[in-house]
Amino acid sequence: MPNPKRRHSQQRSAKRRTHYKATAPTLSVDPETGETHVRHRAHVHEGKLYYKGKVVADPAPSKA
C-alpha cells in the first residue's frame, strides 16, 4: 500500500478541517407540555415519555 513520502504541513491539514464546526442542536417546544426538547427525539415530562406531542410510554404501575 502506498505511503506518503513527505509529511503534510499543519497549514494543509488546517485547510482541510476548516469546515468541521460544532453546531448547536435544533430545539422545539412540545405543544402538549410546553417542554423544550431536541427535535426528532422523545423526551420525558413528569415521568411520561412524549414524542410528537403524544404520550408514547407511561410507566404507571398496573394494578393486578
PDB file of N, CA and C in Angstrom:
ATOM      1  N   MET A   1       0.840  -1.175   0.000  1.00  0.00           N
ATOM      2  CA  MET A   1       0.000   0.000   0.000  1.00  0.00           C
ATOM      3  C   MET A   1       0.892   1.248   0.000  1.00  0.00           C
ATOM      4  N   PRO A   2       0.601   2.230  -0.823  1.00  0.00           N
ATOM      5  CA  PRO A   2       1.483   3.398  -0.896  1.00  0.00           C
ATOM      6  C   PRO A   2       1.388   4.269   0.351  1.00  0.00           C
ATOM      7  N   ASN A   3       2.526   4.815   0.739  1.00  0.00           N
ATOM      8  CA  ASN A   3       2.615   5.711   1.879  1.00  0.00           C
ATOM      9  C   ASN A   3       3.151   7.056   1.412  1.00  0.00           C
ATOM     10  N   PRO A   4       2.798   8.149   2.094  1.00  0.00           N
ATOM     11  CA  PRO A   4       3.315   9.451   1.690  1.00  0.00           C
ATOM     12  C   PRO A   4       4.825   9.532   1.912  1.00  0.00           C
ATOM     13  N   LYS A   5       5.519  10.151   0.967  1.00  0.00           N
ATOM     14  CA  LYS A   5       6.964  10.280   1.080  1.00  0.00           C
ATOM     15  C   LYS A   5       7.328  11.389   2.059  1.00  0.00           C
ATOM     16  N   ARG A   6       6.524  12.453   2.033  1.00  0.00           N
ATOM     17  CA  ARG A   6       6.768  13.580   2.943  1.00  0.00           C
ATOM     18  C   ARG A   6       5.517  13.838   3.770  1.00  0.00           C
ATOM     19  N   ARG A   7       5.748  14.475   4.888  1.00  0.00           N
ATOM     20  CA  ARG A   7       4.655  14.781   5.811  1.00  0.00           C
ATOM     21  C   ARG A   7       3.891  16.005   5.316  1.00  0.00           C
ATOM     22  N   HIS A   8       2.559  16.011   5.544  1.00  0.00           N
ATOM     23  CA  HIS A   8       1.741  17.171   5.182  1.00  0.00           C
ATOM     24  C   HIS A   8       1.957  18.266   6.222  1.00  0.00           C
ATOM     25  N   SER A   9       1.960  19.499   5.780  1.00  0.00           N
ATOM     26  CA  SER A   9       2.157  20.617   6.698  1.00  0.00           C
ATOM     27  C   SER A   9       0.924  20.826   7.570  1.00  0.00           C
ATOM     28  N   GLN A  10       1.109  21.547   8.675  1.00  0.00           N
ATOM     29  CA  GLN A  10      -0.013  21.852   9.566  1.00  0.00           C
ATOM     30  C   GLN A  10      -1.033  22.735   8.856  1.00  0.00           C
ATOM     31  N   GLN A  11      -0.559  23.640   8.021  1.00  0.00           N
ATOM     32  CA  GLN A  11      -1.458  24.539   7.293  1.00  0.00           C
ATOM     33  C   GLN A  11      -2.361  23.745   6.344  1.00  0.00           C
ATOM     34  N   ARG A  12      -1.786  22.754   5.696  1.00  0.00           N
ATOM     35  CA  ARG A  12      -2.570  21.942   4.764  1.00  0.00           C
ATOM     36  C   ARG A  12      -3.652  21.153   5.501  1.00  0.00           C
ATOM     37  N   SER A  13      -3.293  20.628   6.667  1.00  0.00           N
ATOM     38  CA  SER A  13      -4.272  19.889   7.473  1.00  0.00           C
ATOM     39  C   SER A  13      -5.369  20.824   7.967  1.00  0.00           C
ATOM     40  N   ALA A  14      -4.980  22.041   8.382  1.00  0.00           N
ATOM     41  CA  ALA A  14      -5.948  23.015   8.886  1.00  0.00           C
ATOM     42  C   ALA A  14      -6.914  23.442   7.788  1.00  0.00           C
ATOM     43  N   LYS A  15      -6.432  23.576   6.567  1.00  0.00           N
ATOM     44  CA  LYS A  15      -7.308  23.955   5.447  1.00  0.00           C
ATOM     45  C   LYS A  15      -8.384  22.896   5.223  1.00  0.00           C
ATOM     46  N   ARG A  16      -8.013  21.639   5.391  1.00  0.00           N
ATOM     47  CA  ARG A  16      -8.967  20.552   5.196  1.00  0.00           C
ATOM     48  C   ARG A  16     -10.021  20.554   6.303  1.00  0.00           C
ATOM     49  N   ARG A  17      -9.616  20.976   7.498  1.00  0.00           N
ATOM     50  CA  ARG A  17     -10.521  20.902   8.659  1.00  0.00           C
ATOM     51  C   ARG A  17     -11.338  22.165   8.889  1.00  0.00           C
ATOM     52  N   THR A  18     -11.285  23.143   8.007  1.00  0.00           N
ATOM     53  CA  THR A  18     -11.977  24.411   8.247  1.00  0.00           C
ATOM     54  C   THR A  18     -13.481  24.249   8.345  1.00  0.00           C
ATOM     55  N   HIS A  19     -14.041  23.241   7.734  1.00  0.00           N
ATOM     56  CA  HIS A  19     -15.492  23.086   7.720  1.00  0.00           C
ATOM     57  C   HIS A  19     -16.007  22.184   8.832  1.00  0.00           C
ATOM     58  N   TYR A  20     -15.130  21.674   9.698  1.00  0.00           N
ATOM     59  CA  TYR A  20     -15.562  20.842  10.817  1.00  0.00           C
ATOM     60  C   TYR A  20     -15.954  21.765  11.953  1.00  0.00           C
ATOM     61  N   LYS A  21     -17.221  22.132  12.015  1.00  0.00           N
ATOM     62  CA  LYS A  21     -17.684  23.064  13.027  1.00  0.00           C
ATOM     63  C   LYS A  21     -18.737  22.396  13.908  1.00  0.00           C
ATOM     64  N   ALA A  22     -18.724  22.760  15.154  1.00  0.00           N
ATOM     65  CA  ALA A  22     -19.761  22.286  16.068  1.00  0.00           C
ATOM     66  C   ALA A  22     -20.996  23.154  15.878  1.00  0.00           C
ATOM     67  N   THR A  23     -22.163  22.534  15.773  1.00  0.00           N
ATOM     68  CA  THR A  23     -23.407  23.290  15.613  1.00  0.00           C
ATOM     69  C   THR A  23     -24.308  23.017  16.815  1.00  0.00           C
ATOM     70  N   ALA A  24     -25.049  24.016  17.194  1.00  0.00           N
ATOM     71  CA  ALA A  24     -25.984  23.861  18.306  1.00  0.00           C
ATOM     72  C   ALA A  24     -27.173  23.021  17.853  1.00  0.00           C
ATOM     73  N   PRO A  25     -27.678  22.128  18.703  1.00  0.00           N
ATOM     74  CA  PRO A  25     -28.828  21.315  18.307  1.00  0.00           C
ATOM     75  C   PRO A  25     -30.084  22.170  18.152  1.00  0.00           C
ATOM     76  N   THR A  26     -30.957  21.772  17.227  1.00  0.00           N
ATOM     77  CA  THR A  26     -32.205  22.488  17.000  1.00  0.00           C
ATOM     78  C   THR A  26     -33.206  22.090  18.077  1.00  0.00           C
ATOM     79  N   LEU A  27     -33.785  23.084  18.714  1.00  0.00           N
ATOM     80  CA  LEU A  27     -34.731  22.825  19.799  1.00  0.00           C
ATOM     81  C   LEU A  27     -36.153  23.148  19.368  1.00  0.00           C
ATOM     82  N   SER A  28     -37.101  22.442  19.951  1.00  0.00           N
ATOM     83  CA  SER A  28     -38.519  22.665  19.699  1.00  0.00           C
ATOM     84  C   SER A  28     -39.260  22.723  21.018  1.00  0.00           C
ATOM     85  N   VAL A  29     -40.458  23.268  20.972  1.00  0.00           N
ATOM     86  CA  VAL A  29     -41.324  23.302  22.150  1.00  0.00           C
ATOM     87  C   VAL A  29     -42.482  22.352  21.900  1.00  0.00           C
ATOM     88  N   ASP A  30     -42.683  21.435  22.823  1.00  0.00           N
ATOM     89  CA  ASP A  30     -43.776  20.466  22.702  1.00  0.00           C
ATOM     90  C   ASP A  30     -45.105  21.196  22.891  1.00  0.00           C
ATOM     91  N   PRO A  31     -46.045  21.061  21.953  1.00  0.00           N
ATOM     92  CA  PRO A  31     -47.321  21.762  22.083  1.00  0.00           C
ATOM     93  C   PRO A  31     -48.172  21.264  23.249  1.00  0.00           C
ATOM     94  N   GLU A  32     -48.008  20.016  23.624  1.00  0.00           N
ATOM     95  CA  GLU A  32     -48.807  19.414  24.697  1.00  0.00           C
ATOM     96  C   GLU A  32     -48.327  19.858  26.080  1.00  0.00           C
ATOM     97  N   THR A  33     -47.006  19.808  26.296  1.00  0.00           N
ATOM     98  CA  THR A  33     -46.466  20.050  27.635  1.00  0.00           C
ATOM     99  C   THR A  33     -45.763  21.397  27.777  1.00  0.00           C
ATOM    100  N   GLY A  34     -45.373  22.006  26.664  1.00  0.00           N
ATOM    101  CA  GLY A  34     -44.621  23.254  26.724  1.00  0.00           C
ATOM    102  C   GLY A  34     -43.151  23.033  27.036  1.00  0.00           C
ATOM    103  N   GLU A  35     -42.719  21.791  27.024  1.00  0.00           N
ATOM    104  CA  GLU A  35     -41.346  21.419  27.329  1.00  0.00           C
ATOM    105  C   GLU A  35     -40.452  21.676  26.112  1.00  0.00           C
ATOM    106  N   THR A  36     -39.256  22.238  26.339  1.00  0.00           N
ATOM    107  CA  THR A  36     -38.277  22.429  25.266  1.00  0.00           C
ATOM    108  C   THR A  36     -37.461  21.148  25.142  1.00  0.00           C
ATOM    109  N   HIS A  37     -37.295  20.657  23.922  1.00  0.00           N
ATOM    110  CA  HIS A  37     -36.576  19.400  23.713  1.00  0.00           C
ATOM    111  C   HIS A  37     -35.856  19.433  22.363  1.00  0.00           C
ATOM    112  N   VAL A  38     -34.956  18.487  22.165  1.00  0.00           N
ATOM    113  CA  VAL A  38     -34.245  18.353  20.900  1.00  0.00           C
ATOM    114  C   VAL A  38     -35.218  17.787  19.871  1.00  0.00           C
ATOM    115  N   ARG A  39     -35.183  18.331  18.658  1.00  0.00           N
ATOM    116  CA  ARG A  39     -36.123  17.885  17.624  1.00  0.00           C
ATOM    117  C   ARG A  39     -35.917  16.420  17.258  1.00  0.00           C
ATOM    118  N   HIS A  40     -36.996  15.744  16.914  1.00  0.00           N
ATOM    119  CA  HIS A  40     -36.994  14.351  16.477  1.00  0.00           C
ATOM    120  C   HIS A  40     -36.452  13.402  17.544  1.00  0.00           C
ATOM    121  N   ARG A  41     -36.633  13.776  18.811  1.00  0.00           N
ATOM    122  CA  ARG A  41     -36.231  12.916  19.915  1.00  0.00           C
ATOM    123  C   ARG A  41     -37.369  12.866  20.917  1.00  0.00           C
ATOM    124  N   ALA A  42     -37.560  11.709  21.528  1.00  0.00           N
ATOM    125  CA  ALA A  42     -38.549  11.584  22.593  1.00  0.00           C
ATOM    126  C   ALA A  42     -37.993  12.256  23.841  1.00  0.00           C
ATOM    127  N   HIS A  43     -38.876  12.788  24.685  1.00  0.00           N
ATOM    128  CA  HIS A  43     -38.430  13.436  25.913  1.00  0.00           C
ATOM    129  C   HIS A  43     -39.371  13.071  27.053  1.00  0.00           C
ATOM    130  N   VAL A  44     -38.840  13.124  28.268  1.00  0.00           N
ATOM    131  CA  VAL A  44     -39.599  12.756  29.469  1.00  0.00           C
ATOM    132  C   VAL A  44     -40.125  14.013  30.133  1.00  0.00           C
ATOM    133  N   HIS A  45     -41.392  13.993  30.489  1.00  0.00           N
ATOM    134  CA  HIS A  45     -42.015  15.098  31.218  1.00  0.00           C
ATOM    135  C   HIS A  45     -42.955  14.496  32.244  1.00  0.00           C
ATOM    136  N   GLU A  46     -42.684  14.785  33.517  1.00  0.00           N
ATOM    137  CA  GLU A  46     -43.474  14.269  34.635  1.00  0.00           C
ATOM    138  C   GLU A  46     -43.606  12.745  34.597  1.00  0.00           C
ATOM    139  N   GLY A  47     -42.506  12.083  34.282  1.00  0.00           N
ATOM    140  CA  GLY A  47     -42.477  10.623  34.304  1.00  0.00           C
ATOM    141  C   GLY A  47     -43.069   9.940  33.094  1.00  0.00           C
ATOM    142  N   LYS A  48     -43.543  10.696  32.110  1.00  0.00           N
ATOM    143  CA  LYS A  48     -44.114  10.111  30.892  1.00  0.00           C
ATOM    144  C   LYS A  48     -43.215  10.438  29.712  1.00  0.00           C
ATOM    145  N   LEU A  49     -43.149   9.526  28.766  1.00  0.00           N
ATOM    146  CA  LEU A  49     -42.320   9.709  27.586  1.00  0.00           C
ATOM    147  C   LEU A  49     -43.185  10.250  26.451  1.00  0.00           C
ATOM    148  N   TYR A  50     -42.811  11.416  25.914  1.00  0.00           N
ATOM    149  CA  TYR A  50     -43.566  12.078  24.860  1.00  0.00           C
ATOM    150  C   TYR A  50     -42.786  12.071  23.554  1.00  0.00           C
ATOM    151  N   TYR A  51     -43.507  11.957  22.441  1.00  0.00           N
ATOM    152  CA  TYR A  51     -42.919  12.106  21.108  1.00  0.00           C
ATOM    153  C   TYR A  51     -43.999  12.686  20.191  1.00  0.00           C
ATOM    154  N   LYS A  52     -43.686  13.774  19.521  1.00  0.00           N
ATOM    155  CA  LYS A  52     -44.617  14.491  18.647  1.00  0.00           C
ATOM    156  C   LYS A  52     -45.898  14.888  19.384  1.00  0.00           C
ATOM    157  N   GLY A  53     -45.776  15.294  20.633  1.00  0.00           N
ATOM    158  CA  GLY A  53     -46.918  15.764  21.408  1.00  0.00           C
ATOM    159  C   GLY A  53     -47.823  14.677  21.939  1.00  0.00           C
ATOM    160  N   LYS A  54     -47.439  13.413  21.787  1.00  0.00           N
ATOM    161  CA  LYS A  54     -48.280  12.313  22.266  1.00  0.00           C
ATOM    162  C   LYS A  54     -47.508  11.482  23.281  1.00  0.00           C
ATOM    163  N   VAL A  55     -48.231  10.892  24.227  1.00  0.00           N
ATOM    164  CA  VAL A  55     -47.607  10.010  25.214  1.00  0.00           C
ATOM    165  C   VAL A  55     -47.277   8.697  24.526  1.00  0.00           C
ATOM    166  N   VAL A  56     -45.997   8.338  24.549  1.00  0.00           N
ATOM    167  CA  VAL A  56     -45.553   7.094  23.916  1.00  0.00           C
ATOM    168  C   VAL A  56     -45.454   5.978  24.962  1.00  0.00           C
ATOM    169  N   ALA A  57     -44.957   6.318  26.139  1.00  0.00           N
ATOM    170  CA  ALA A  57     -44.820   5.329  27.203  1.00  0.00           C
ATOM    171  C   ALA A  57     -45.194   5.966  28.527  1.00  0.00           C
ATOM    172  N   ASP A  58     -46.065   5.289  29.258  1.00  0.00           N
ATOM    173  CA  ASP A  58     -46.469   5.749  30.586  1.00  0.00           C
ATOM    174  C   ASP A  58     -46.137   4.624  31.569  1.00  0.00           C
ATOM    175  N   PRO A  59     -45.089   4.809  32.351  1.00  0.00           N
ATOM    176  CA  PRO A  59     -44.669   3.721  33.245  1.00  0.00           C
ATOM    177  C   PRO A  59     -45.504   3.610  34.519  1.00  0.00           C
ATOM    178  N   ALA A  60     -46.798   3.912  34.432  1.00  0.00           N
ATOM    179  CA  ALA A  60     -47.668   3.786  35.604  1.00  0.00           C
ATOM    180  C   ALA A  60     -47.778   2.322  35.982  1.00  0.00           C
ATOM    181  N   PRO A  61     -47.683   2.014  37.260  1.00  0.00           N
ATOM    182  CA  PRO A  61     -47.775   0.596  37.675  1.00  0.00           C
ATOM    183  C   PRO A  61     -49.183   0.056  37.422  1.00  0.00           C
ATOM    184  N   SER A  62     -49.241  -1.113  36.837  1.00  0.00           N
ATOM    185  CA  SER A  62     -50.540  -1.728  36.570  1.00  0.00           C
ATOM    186  C   SER A  62     -51.035  -2.429  37.822  1.00  0.00           C
ATOM    187  N   LYS A  63     -52.316  -2.325  38.073  1.00  0.00           N
ATOM    188  CA  LYS A  63     -52.898  -2.954  39.269  1.00  0.00           C
ATOM    189  C   LYS A  63     -53.476  -4.311  38.891  1.00  0.00           C
ATOM    190  N   ALA A  64     -52.802  -5.339  39.367  1.00  0.00           N
ATOM    191  CA  ALA A  64     -53.235  -6.691  39.039  1.00  0.00           C
ATOM    192  C   ALA A  64     -53.759  -7.415  40.251  1.00  0.00           C
TER     193      ALA A  64
END
